Amino acid sequence: MFATETDHFEVLSENLNGLREIDEQTFSSVAVLAERMDRLKRSSPLFEQISFSPEIEELACSDALSEIC
């Protein structure tokens, strides 16, 4: 048995393109990428203006993910 790394970008891309239903993996991917983006922003002022696309923001700000917004 082996573990596989989830491609969080691919999960969200498939969601946005209607190839995958929004599920727990979607919410997990948003959370992981939000954490990574936060660490990047804290690492240097050069990254302070980086943000999710409006579509991902809308998904992230849904009732199920309100703690990320």
Protein backbone atom coordinates (compact mmCIF):
# COMPACT_ATOMS: atom_id res chain seq x y z
CA MET A 1 0.00 0.00 0.00
CA PHE A 2 1.26 3.49 -0.80
CA ALA A 3 0.10 7.04 -0.17
CA THR A 4 -0.47 9.50 -2.97
CA GLU A 5 -0.18 13.25 -2.81
CA THR A 6 -3.37 15.04 -3.75
CA ASP A 7 -2.98 17.59 -6.53
CA HIS A 8 -4.98 20.38 -4.93
CA PHE A 9 -4.76 22.56 -8.03
CA GLU A 10 -6.18 19.77 -10.16
CA VAL A 11 -9.05 19.16 -7.73
CA LEU A 12 -10.09 22.81 -7.83
CA SER A 13 -9.61 23.07 -11.59
CA GLU A 14 -11.90 20.09 -12.11
CA ASN A 15 -14.48 21.65 -9.76
CA LEU A 16 -14.44 24.94 -11.61
CA ASN A 17 -14.73 23.22 -14.98
CA GLY A 18 -17.67 21.06 -13.89
CA LEU A 19 -15.69 17.83 -14.18
CA ARG A 20 -15.94 17.05 -10.48
CA GLU A 21 -18.62 17.63 -7.88
CA ILE A 22 -17.82 19.82 -4.91
CA ASP A 23 -17.06 17.48 -2.06
CA GLU A 24 -14.90 17.12 1.04
CA GLN A 25 -11.76 16.89 -1.12
CA THR A 26 -12.64 20.28 -2.64
CA PHE A 27 -12.85 21.87 0.79
CA SER A 28 -9.65 20.18 1.89
CA SER A 29 -7.82 21.45 -1.21
CA VAL A 30 -9.01 25.02 -0.62
CA ALA A 31 -7.83 24.84 2.99
CA VAL A 32 -4.40 23.44 2.04
CA LEU A 33 -3.85 26.05 -0.66
CA ALA A 34 -5.06 28.86 1.61
CA GLU A 35 -2.49 27.80 4.22
CA ARG A 36 0.27 27.65 1.62
CA MET A 37 -0.68 31.08 0.29
CA ASP A 38 -0.69 32.51 3.82
CA ARG A 39 2.82 31.16 4.46
CA LEU A 40 3.99 32.62 1.16
CA LYS A 41 2.54 36.04 2.03
CA ARG A 42 4.28 35.97 5.41
CA SER A 43 7.60 35.03 3.82
CA SER A 44 8.05 38.28 1.88
CA PRO A 45 6.25 41.55 1.17
CA LEU A 46 6.60 40.70 -2.53
CA PHE A 47 3.74 38.22 -2.16
CA GLU A 48 1.28 40.33 -0.15
CA GLN A 49 -0.99 40.99 -3.14
CA ILE A 50 -1.38 37.33 -4.15
CA SER A 51 -4.94 36.05 -3.85
CA PHE A 52 -7.31 33.39 -5.09
CA SER A 53 -9.30 33.94 -8.25
CA PRO A 54 -12.82 35.31 -7.76
CA GLU A 55 -14.22 31.83 -8.48
CA ILE A 56 -12.13 30.19 -5.78
CA GLU A 57 -12.92 33.05 -3.38
CA GLU A 58 -16.62 32.40 -3.95
CA LEU A 59 -16.14 28.71 -3.25
CA ALA A 60 -13.95 29.39 -0.20
CA CYS A 61 -16.45 31.85 1.23
CA SER A 62 -19.36 29.44 1.04
CA ASP A 63 -21.01 28.55 4.33
CA ALA A 64 -19.04 25.30 4.47
CA LEU A 65 -15.71 27.13 4.38
CA SER A 66 -16.44 30.38 6.16
CA GLU A 67 -13.41 30.00 8.46
CA ILE A 68 -11.04 30.47 5.50
CA CYS A 69 -12.40 33.88 4.48
